[in-house]
Amino acid sequence: MYKIQITIKVGNDDSGVLYFNCLLHKSSSPLNRLIDHSFYESLLDGIPDGEHYELELMEKWYLNHKYSKLLHIRTSLLNSRNFVCYLQKISDIVAALRVFLVWSIGTAFTVTSGKDFLEIYTGNVDSFIETMKNEYGIVATSTLFTPQ
């Protein structure tokens, strides 16, 4: 298991810093997924086969945020833990890191603007990062990836 920590700076002053932490869970079988199967079956083409990563969120502050309904979080019906809601297979660590980076920057955008970041995100990670930086002043200032 790995932990990912991303620090996001919003705006030009030091008061706009947000921290996002997740545990990265790898499983090789659909039977071992931590997110309930109903999530995968209703939103995807079924439970992802083979090696797959799930990103368990460690913070709770955004669950009661005024824009929490716009945040892409799935509370698992299996264990009541919170995960990044992502609708594709995450097959390796690099993909998981990119998903969490987009989710963190996007969540910072959503909680500061009240708009769903998926209205802007086109699927191009690099373009999204540049847009968030240049148009909204939202920047990932550090990323820490550690084994647990």
C-alpha atoms as a PDB file:
ATOM      1  CA  MET A   1       0.000   0.000   0.000  1.00  0.00           C
ATOM      2  CA  TYR A   2       1.127   3.547  -0.720  1.00  0.00           C
ATOM      3  CA  LYS A   3       0.158   6.977   0.562  1.00  0.00           C
ATOM      4  CA  ILE A   4      -0.102   9.972  -1.752  1.00  0.00           C
ATOM      5  CA  GLN A   5      -0.108  13.514  -0.352  1.00  0.00           C
ATOM      6  CA  ILE A   6      -0.716  16.493  -2.619  1.00  0.00           C
ATOM      7  CA  THR A   7      -0.535  20.130  -1.544  1.00  0.00           C
ATOM      8  CA  ILE A   8      -2.578  22.586  -3.605  1.00  0.00           C
ATOM      9  CA  LYS A   9      -2.127  26.349  -3.504  1.00  0.00           C
ATOM     10  CA  VAL A  10      -5.142  28.448  -4.435  1.00  0.00           C
ATOM     11  CA  GLY A  11      -4.517  32.096  -5.278  1.00  0.00           C
ATOM     12  CA  ASN A  12      -1.568  34.278  -4.380  1.00  0.00           C
ATOM     13  CA  ASP A  13      -1.509  34.204  -0.590  1.00  0.00           C
ATOM     14  CA  ASP A  14      -0.574  31.498   1.883  1.00  0.00           C
ATOM     15  CA  SER A  15      -4.104  31.235   3.305  1.00  0.00           C
ATOM     16  CA  GLY A  16      -5.264  29.262   0.287  1.00  0.00           C
ATOM     17  CA  VAL A  17      -3.466  25.964   0.844  1.00  0.00           C
ATOM     18  CA  LEU A  18      -5.328  22.651   0.749  1.00  0.00           C
ATOM     19  CA  TYR A  19      -3.960  19.210   1.598  1.00  0.00           C
ATOM     20  CA  PHE A  20      -5.178  15.983   0.043  1.00  0.00           C
ATOM     21  CA  ASN A  21      -4.133  12.519   1.223  1.00  0.00           C
ATOM     22  CA  CYS A  22      -5.109   9.103  -0.002  1.00  0.00           C
ATOM     23  CA  LEU A  23      -4.126   5.507   0.516  1.00  0.00           C
ATOM     24  CA  LEU A  24      -3.581   3.628  -2.692  1.00  0.00           C
ATOM     25  CA  HIS A  25      -5.025   0.105  -2.536  1.00  0.00           C
ATOM     26  CA  LYS A  26      -4.069  -2.476  -5.155  1.00  0.00           C
ATOM     27  CA  SER A  27      -6.055  -5.621  -5.760  1.00  0.00           C
ATOM     28  CA  SER A  28      -5.731  -8.243  -8.452  1.00  0.00           C
ATOM     29  CA  SER A  29      -9.228  -9.671  -8.257  1.00  0.00           C
ATOM     30  CA  PRO A  30     -12.692  -8.099  -8.523  1.00  0.00           C
ATOM     31  CA  LEU A  31     -13.577 -10.044  -5.376  1.00  0.00           C
ATOM     32  CA  ASN A  32     -11.063  -7.974  -3.392  1.00  0.00           C
ATOM     33  CA  ARG A  33     -12.245  -4.494  -4.358  1.00  0.00           C
ATOM     34  CA  LEU A  34     -12.922  -2.124  -1.455  1.00  0.00           C
ATOM     35  CA  ILE A  35     -15.524  -0.054  -3.291  1.00  0.00           C
ATOM     36  CA  ASP A  36     -18.872  -1.807  -3.417  1.00  0.00           C
ATOM     37  CA  HIS A  37     -19.613  -3.752  -6.574  1.00  0.00           C
ATOM     38  CA  SER A  38     -22.854  -1.838  -7.175  1.00  0.00           C
ATOM     39  CA  PHE A  39     -20.766   1.280  -7.913  1.00  0.00           C
ATOM     40  CA  TYR A  40     -18.792  -0.482 -10.602  1.00  0.00           C
ATOM     41  CA  GLU A  41     -21.783  -2.308 -12.044  1.00  0.00           C
ATOM     42  CA  SER A  42     -23.978   0.789 -12.306  1.00  0.00           C
ATOM     43  CA  LEU A  43     -21.402   3.244 -13.642  1.00  0.00           C
ATOM     44  CA  LEU A  44     -18.915   1.124 -15.563  1.00  0.00           C
ATOM     45  CA  ASP A  45     -19.047  -1.913 -17.776  1.00  0.00           C
ATOM     46  CA  GLY A  46     -18.812  -4.044 -14.657  1.00  0.00           C
ATOM     47  CA  ILE A  47     -16.141  -4.552 -12.030  1.00  0.00           C
ATOM     48  CA  PRO A  48     -12.645  -4.000 -13.500  1.00  0.00           C
ATOM     49  CA  ASP A  49     -10.757  -7.232 -14.141  1.00  0.00           C
ATOM     50  CA  GLY A  50      -7.148  -7.790 -13.230  1.00  0.00           C
ATOM     51  CA  GLU A  51      -4.924  -5.440 -11.294  1.00  0.00           C
ATOM     52  CA  HIS A  52      -6.776  -2.284 -10.237  1.00  0.00           C
ATOM     53  CA  TYR A  53      -6.064   0.556  -7.814  1.00  0.00           C
ATOM     54  CA  GLU A  54      -8.589   2.322  -5.566  1.00  0.00           C
ATOM     55  CA  LEU A  55      -7.811   5.651  -3.893  1.00  0.00           C
ATOM     56  CA  GLU A  56      -9.097   5.859  -0.319  1.00  0.00           C
ATOM     57  CA  LEU A  57      -9.451   9.443   0.911  1.00  0.00           C
ATOM     58  CA  MET A  58      -7.988  10.234   4.320  1.00  0.00           C
ATOM     59  CA  GLU A  59      -9.494  13.679   4.986  1.00  0.00           C
ATOM     60  CA  LYS A  60     -13.069  14.253   6.026  1.00  0.00           C
ATOM     61  CA  TRP A  61     -13.344  18.072   5.768  1.00  0.00           C
ATOM     62  CA  TYR A  62     -14.813  18.013   2.279  1.00  0.00           C
ATOM     63  CA  LEU A  63     -17.669  15.664   3.226  1.00  0.00           C
ATOM     64  CA  ASN A  64     -19.485  18.504   5.007  1.00  0.00           C
ATOM     65  CA  HIS A  65     -18.355  21.266   2.671  1.00  0.00           C
ATOM     66  CA  LYS A  66     -21.120  23.422   1.195  1.00  0.00           C
ATOM     67  CA  TYR A  67     -20.248  22.053  -2.270  1.00  0.00           C
ATOM     68  CA  SER A  68     -19.822  18.434  -1.160  1.00  0.00           C
ATOM     69  CA  LYS A  69     -22.521  17.223  -3.553  1.00  0.00           C
ATOM     70  CA  LEU A  70     -20.339  18.377  -6.451  1.00  0.00           C
ATOM     71  CA  LEU A  71     -17.275  16.458  -5.254  1.00  0.00           C
ATOM     72  CA  HIS A  72     -16.436  13.134  -6.846  1.00  0.00           C
ATOM     73  CA  ILE A  73     -16.397  10.907  -3.766  1.00  0.00           C
ATOM     74  CA  ARG A  74     -17.860   7.439  -3.334  1.00  0.00           C
ATOM     75  CA  THR A  75     -18.621   6.162   0.152  1.00  0.00           C
ATOM     76  CA  SER A  76     -18.355   2.402  -0.140  1.00  0.00           C
ATOM     77  CA  LEU A  77     -21.414   0.446   0.913  1.00  0.00           C
ATOM     78  CA  LEU A  78     -19.056  -2.371   1.956  1.00  0.00           C
ATOM     79  CA  ASN A  79     -17.077  -0.478   4.591  1.00  0.00           C
ATOM     80  CA  SER A  80     -18.267   3.184   4.786  1.00  0.00           C
ATOM     81  CA  ARG A  81     -14.830   4.385   3.668  1.00  0.00           C
ATOM     82  CA  ASN A  82     -14.504   7.247   1.179  1.00  0.00           C
ATOM     83  CA  PHE A  83     -12.852   6.840  -2.209  1.00  0.00           C
ATOM     84  CA  VAL A  84     -12.124   8.959  -5.243  1.00  0.00           C
ATOM     85  CA  CYS A  85     -15.012   8.390  -7.623  1.00  0.00           C
ATOM     86  CA  TYR A  86     -13.321   7.526 -10.912  1.00  0.00           C
ATOM     87  CA  LEU A  87     -15.118   5.753 -13.702  1.00  0.00           C
ATOM     88  CA  GLN A  88     -12.295   3.866 -15.405  1.00  0.00           C
ATOM     89  CA  LYS A  89      -9.861   1.124 -14.528  1.00  0.00           C
ATOM     90  CA  ILE A  90      -6.694   2.363 -12.792  1.00  0.00           C
ATOM     91  CA  SER A  91      -4.158  -0.253 -13.769  1.00  0.00           C
ATOM     92  CA  ASP A  92      -0.858   1.111 -12.443  1.00  0.00           C
ATOM     93  CA  ILE A  93       0.704   3.466  -9.901  1.00  0.00           C
ATOM     94  CA  VAL A  94       1.446   6.203 -12.438  1.00  0.00           C
ATOM     95  CA  ALA A  95      -2.197   6.253 -13.555  1.00  0.00           C
ATOM     96  CA  ALA A  96      -3.325   6.357  -9.912  1.00  0.00           C
ATOM     97  CA  LEU A  97      -1.045   9.299  -9.197  1.00  0.00           C
ATOM     98  CA  ARG A  98      -2.389  11.194 -12.226  1.00  0.00           C
ATOM     99  CA  VAL A  99      -5.998  10.457 -11.208  1.00  0.00           C
ATOM    100  CA  PHE A 100      -5.356  11.745  -7.690  1.00  0.00           C
ATOM    101  CA  LEU A 101      -3.568  14.850  -8.998  1.00  0.00           C
ATOM    102  CA  VAL A 102      -6.486  15.747 -11.277  1.00  0.00           C
ATOM    103  CA  TRP A 103      -8.988  14.945  -8.518  1.00  0.00           C
ATOM    104  CA  SER A 104      -7.105  17.110  -5.977  1.00  0.00           C
ATOM    105  CA  ILE A 105      -6.695  20.104  -8.287  1.00  0.00           C
ATOM    106  CA  GLY A 106     -10.283  19.688  -9.468  1.00  0.00           C
ATOM    107  CA  THR A 107     -11.607  19.446  -5.922  1.00  0.00           C
ATOM    108  CA  ALA A 108      -9.708  22.621  -4.980  1.00  0.00           C
ATOM    109  CA  PHE A 109     -11.385  24.318  -7.944  1.00  0.00           C
ATOM    110  CA  THR A 110     -14.823  23.030  -6.935  1.00  0.00           C
ATOM    111  CA  VAL A 111     -14.611  24.046  -3.264  1.00  0.00           C
ATOM    112  CA  THR A 112     -13.412  27.552  -4.181  1.00  0.00           C
ATOM    113  CA  SER A 113     -15.740  28.178  -7.149  1.00  0.00           C
ATOM    114  CA  GLY A 114     -18.849  26.086  -6.506  1.00  0.00           C
ATOM    115  CA  LYS A 115     -18.503  24.556  -9.989  1.00  0.00           C
ATOM    116  CA  ASP A 116     -17.937  20.908 -10.879  1.00  0.00           C
ATOM    117  CA  PHE A 117     -14.417  20.606 -12.285  1.00  0.00           C
ATOM    118  CA  LEU A 118     -15.648  18.064 -14.843  1.00  0.00           C
ATOM    119  CA  GLU A 119     -17.237  20.990 -16.691  1.00  0.00           C
ATOM    120  CA  ILE A 120     -13.664  22.054 -17.538  1.00  0.00           C
ATOM    121  CA  TYR A 121     -11.708  18.798 -17.558  1.00  0.00           C
ATOM    122  CA  THR A 122     -11.538  17.339 -21.075  1.00  0.00           C
ATOM    123  CA  GLY A 123      -9.466  14.249 -20.289  1.00  0.00           C
ATOM    124  CA  ASN A 124      -6.135  15.912 -21.064  1.00  0.00           C
ATOM    125  CA  VAL A 125      -4.248  16.000 -17.754  1.00  0.00           C
ATOM    126  CA  ASP A 126      -1.506  18.412 -18.824  1.00  0.00           C
ATOM    127  CA  SER A 127      -3.966  20.867 -20.367  1.00  0.00           C
ATOM    128  CA  PHE A 128      -6.147  20.755 -17.232  1.00  0.00           C
ATOM    129  CA  ILE A 129      -3.169  21.463 -14.960  1.00  0.00           C
ATOM    130  CA  GLU A 130      -2.148  24.440 -17.131  1.00  0.00           C
ATOM    131  CA  THR A 131      -5.715  25.799 -17.275  1.00  0.00           C
ATOM    132  CA  MET A 132      -6.111  25.557 -13.509  1.00  0.00           C
ATOM    133  CA  LYS A 133      -2.785  27.333 -12.994  1.00  0.00           C
ATOM    134  CA  ASN A 134      -3.144  30.074 -15.614  1.00  0.00           C
ATOM    135  CA  GLU A 135      -6.860  30.851 -15.382  1.00  0.00           C
ATOM    136  CA  TYR A 136      -7.706  30.074 -11.749  1.00  0.00           C
ATOM    137  CA  GLY A 137      -4.417  30.266  -9.821  1.00  0.00           C
ATOM    138  CA  ILE A 138      -4.693  26.670  -8.603  1.00  0.00           C
ATOM    139  CA  VAL A 139      -1.344  24.852  -8.493  1.00  0.00           C
ATOM    140  CA  ALA A 140      -0.067  21.588  -7.049  1.00  0.00           C
ATOM    141  CA  THR A 141       2.992  22.724  -5.099  1.00  0.00           C
ATOM    142  CA  SER A 142       4.118  19.338  -3.822  1.00  0.00           C
ATOM    143  CA  THR A 143       3.423  15.657  -4.227  1.00  0.00           C
ATOM    144  CA  LEU A 144       4.650  13.040  -1.779  1.00  0.00           C
ATOM    145  CA  PHE A 145       4.436   9.345  -2.562  1.00  0.00           C
ATOM    146  CA  THR A 146       5.418   6.948   0.235  1.00  0.00           C
ATOM    147  CA  PRO A 147       5.070   3.227   0.966  1.00  0.00           C
ATOM    148  CA  GLN A 148       2.962   2.376   4.011  1.00  0.00           C
END
